[in-house]
Amino acid sequence: GKLRTDAVLCDLLSLAVQHGDREHGHSVSALHTIGIGDFGVEKTLGELESHGLVFKSGELWALTASGYNEAERVVRSIGESY
């Protein structure tokens, strides 16, 4: 659902910011490590890919420009709700 897709987007954003590169790819296992475990991460990445928010290069996943913008929007909306 939306909560899961938002969580994966935010995890990818966090990793991208740490690397200073919005298109820096990360493995599914890296997302399992920083996220909430293996709760459908691969399926969620597939959903995000179908919406043009992430892309896969080899075995690594990264945000598209649209995905980066959406992840930033999610982070802002979370901050505004507190």
C-alpha atoms as a PDB file:
ATOM      1  CA  GLY A   1       0.000   0.000   0.000  1.00  0.00           C
ATOM      2  CA  LYS A   2       0.840   3.683   0.118  1.00  0.00           C
ATOM      3  CA  LEU A   3       2.627   3.423   3.460  1.00  0.00           C
ATOM      4  CA  ARG A   4       4.959   0.748   2.102  1.00  0.00           C
ATOM      5  CA  THR A   5       5.719   2.625  -1.134  1.00  0.00           C
ATOM      6  CA  ASP A   6       6.350   5.835   0.805  1.00  0.00           C
ATOM      7  CA  ALA A   7       8.686   3.971   3.178  1.00  0.00           C
ATOM      8  CA  VAL A   8      10.738   2.480   0.330  1.00  0.00           C
ATOM      9  CA  LEU A   9      10.925   5.861  -1.435  1.00  0.00           C
ATOM     10  CA  CYS A  10      12.146   7.498   1.776  1.00  0.00           C
ATOM     11  CA  ASP A  11      14.707   4.735   2.355  1.00  0.00           C
ATOM     12  CA  LEU A  12      16.082   5.199  -1.172  1.00  0.00           C
ATOM     13  CA  LEU A  13      16.159   8.969  -0.629  1.00  0.00           C
ATOM     14  CA  SER A  14      18.067   8.537   2.627  1.00  0.00           C
ATOM     15  CA  LEU A  15      20.627   6.294   0.929  1.00  0.00           C
ATOM     16  CA  ALA A  16      20.959   8.648  -2.049  1.00  0.00           C
ATOM     17  CA  VAL A  17      21.544  11.647   0.236  1.00  0.00           C
ATOM     18  CA  GLN A  18      24.200   9.717   2.178  1.00  0.00           C
ATOM     19  CA  HIS A  19      26.028   9.028  -1.087  1.00  0.00           C
ATOM     20  CA  GLY A  20      25.494  12.528  -2.490  1.00  0.00           C
ATOM     21  CA  ASP A  21      24.109  11.036  -5.703  1.00  0.00           C
ATOM     22  CA  ARG A  22      20.396  10.788  -6.413  1.00  0.00           C
ATOM     23  CA  GLU A  23      20.943   7.955  -8.895  1.00  0.00           C
ATOM     24  CA  HIS A  24      23.244   5.889  -6.665  1.00  0.00           C
ATOM     25  CA  GLY A  25      21.780   2.393  -6.745  1.00  0.00           C
ATOM     26  CA  HIS A  26      21.216   0.083  -3.799  1.00  0.00           C
ATOM     27  CA  SER A  27      20.480  -3.597  -3.444  1.00  0.00           C
ATOM     28  CA  VAL A  28      17.276  -5.036  -2.067  1.00  0.00           C
ATOM     29  CA  SER A  29      19.290  -6.346   0.898  1.00  0.00           C
ATOM     30  CA  ALA A  30      20.445  -2.786   1.699  1.00  0.00           C
ATOM     31  CA  LEU A  31      16.806  -1.694   1.740  1.00  0.00           C
ATOM     32  CA  HIS A  32      15.952  -4.616   4.039  1.00  0.00           C
ATOM     33  CA  THR A  33      18.731  -3.498   6.396  1.00  0.00           C
ATOM     34  CA  ILE A  34      17.683   0.138   6.737  1.00  0.00           C
ATOM     35  CA  GLY A  35      13.962  -0.371   6.347  1.00  0.00           C
ATOM     36  CA  ILE A  36      11.383  -2.492   8.055  1.00  0.00           C
ATOM     37  CA  GLY A  37      12.748  -5.809   6.859  1.00  0.00           C
ATOM     38  CA  ASP A  38      11.523  -8.008   4.042  1.00  0.00           C
ATOM     39  CA  PHE A  39       7.916  -6.859   3.955  1.00  0.00           C
ATOM     40  CA  GLY A  40       7.411  -6.986   0.208  1.00  0.00           C
ATOM     41  CA  VAL A  41      10.314  -4.693  -0.693  1.00  0.00           C
ATOM     42  CA  GLU A  42      10.841  -6.315  -4.097  1.00  0.00           C
ATOM     43  CA  LYS A  43       7.140  -6.158  -4.969  1.00  0.00           C
ATOM     44  CA  THR A  44       7.030  -2.541  -3.828  1.00  0.00           C
ATOM     45  CA  LEU A  45      10.050  -1.677  -5.976  1.00  0.00           C
ATOM     46  CA  GLY A  46       8.232  -3.216  -8.949  1.00  0.00           C
ATOM     47  CA  GLU A  47       5.188  -1.045  -8.241  1.00  0.00           C
ATOM     48  CA  LEU A  48       7.357   2.060  -7.943  1.00  0.00           C
ATOM     49  CA  GLU A  49       9.135   1.148 -11.186  1.00  0.00           C
ATOM     50  CA  SER A  50       5.801   0.843 -13.012  1.00  0.00           C
ATOM     51  CA  HIS A  51       5.025   4.416 -11.907  1.00  0.00           C
ATOM     52  CA  GLY A  52       8.408   5.693 -13.103  1.00  0.00           C
ATOM     53  CA  LEU A  53       9.657   6.488  -9.592  1.00  0.00           C
ATOM     54  CA  VAL A  54      12.588   4.037  -9.439  1.00  0.00           C
ATOM     55  CA  PHE A  55      14.741   2.183 -11.934  1.00  0.00           C
ATOM     56  CA  LYS A  56      16.823  -0.962 -11.787  1.00  0.00           C
ATOM     57  CA  SER A  57      20.372  -1.162 -13.088  1.00  0.00           C
ATOM     58  CA  GLY A  58      21.720  -4.686 -12.790  1.00  0.00           C
ATOM     59  CA  GLU A  59      20.776  -5.710  -9.250  1.00  0.00           C
ATOM     60  CA  LEU A  60      20.666  -2.145  -7.903  1.00  0.00           C
ATOM     61  CA  TRP A  61      17.664   0.137  -7.481  1.00  0.00           C
ATOM     62  CA  ALA A  62      17.687   3.933  -7.541  1.00  0.00           C
ATOM     63  CA  LEU A  63      15.289   6.852  -7.649  1.00  0.00           C
ATOM     64  CA  THR A  64      14.364   8.524 -10.908  1.00  0.00           C
ATOM     65  CA  ALA A  65      14.121  12.330 -10.875  1.00  0.00           C
ATOM     66  CA  SER A  66      10.361  11.951 -10.346  1.00  0.00           C
ATOM     67  CA  GLY A  67      10.942   9.458  -7.545  1.00  0.00           C
ATOM     68  CA  TYR A  68      13.402  11.800  -5.848  1.00  0.00           C
ATOM     69  CA  ASN A  69      10.854  14.625  -5.986  1.00  0.00           C
ATOM     70  CA  GLU A  70       8.083  12.355  -4.680  1.00  0.00           C
ATOM     71  CA  ALA A  71      10.278  11.098  -1.830  1.00  0.00           C
ATOM     72  CA  GLU A  72      11.102  14.693  -0.849  1.00  0.00           C
ATOM     73  CA  ARG A  73       7.374  15.516  -0.914  1.00  0.00           C
ATOM     74  CA  VAL A  74       6.640  12.542   1.370  1.00  0.00           C
ATOM     75  CA  VAL A  75       9.366  13.612   3.812  1.00  0.00           C
ATOM     76  CA  ARG A  76       8.007  17.187   3.862  1.00  0.00           C
ATOM     77  CA  SER A  77       4.452  15.953   4.458  1.00  0.00           C
ATOM     78  CA  ILE A  78       5.628  13.749   7.335  1.00  0.00           C
ATOM     79  CA  GLY A  79       7.439  16.708   8.888  1.00  0.00           C
ATOM     80  CA  GLU A  80       4.374  18.919   8.552  1.00  0.00           C
ATOM     81  CA  SER A  81       2.171  16.387  10.327  1.00  0.00           C
ATOM     82  CA  TYR A  82       4.204  16.551  13.554  1.00  0.00           C
END
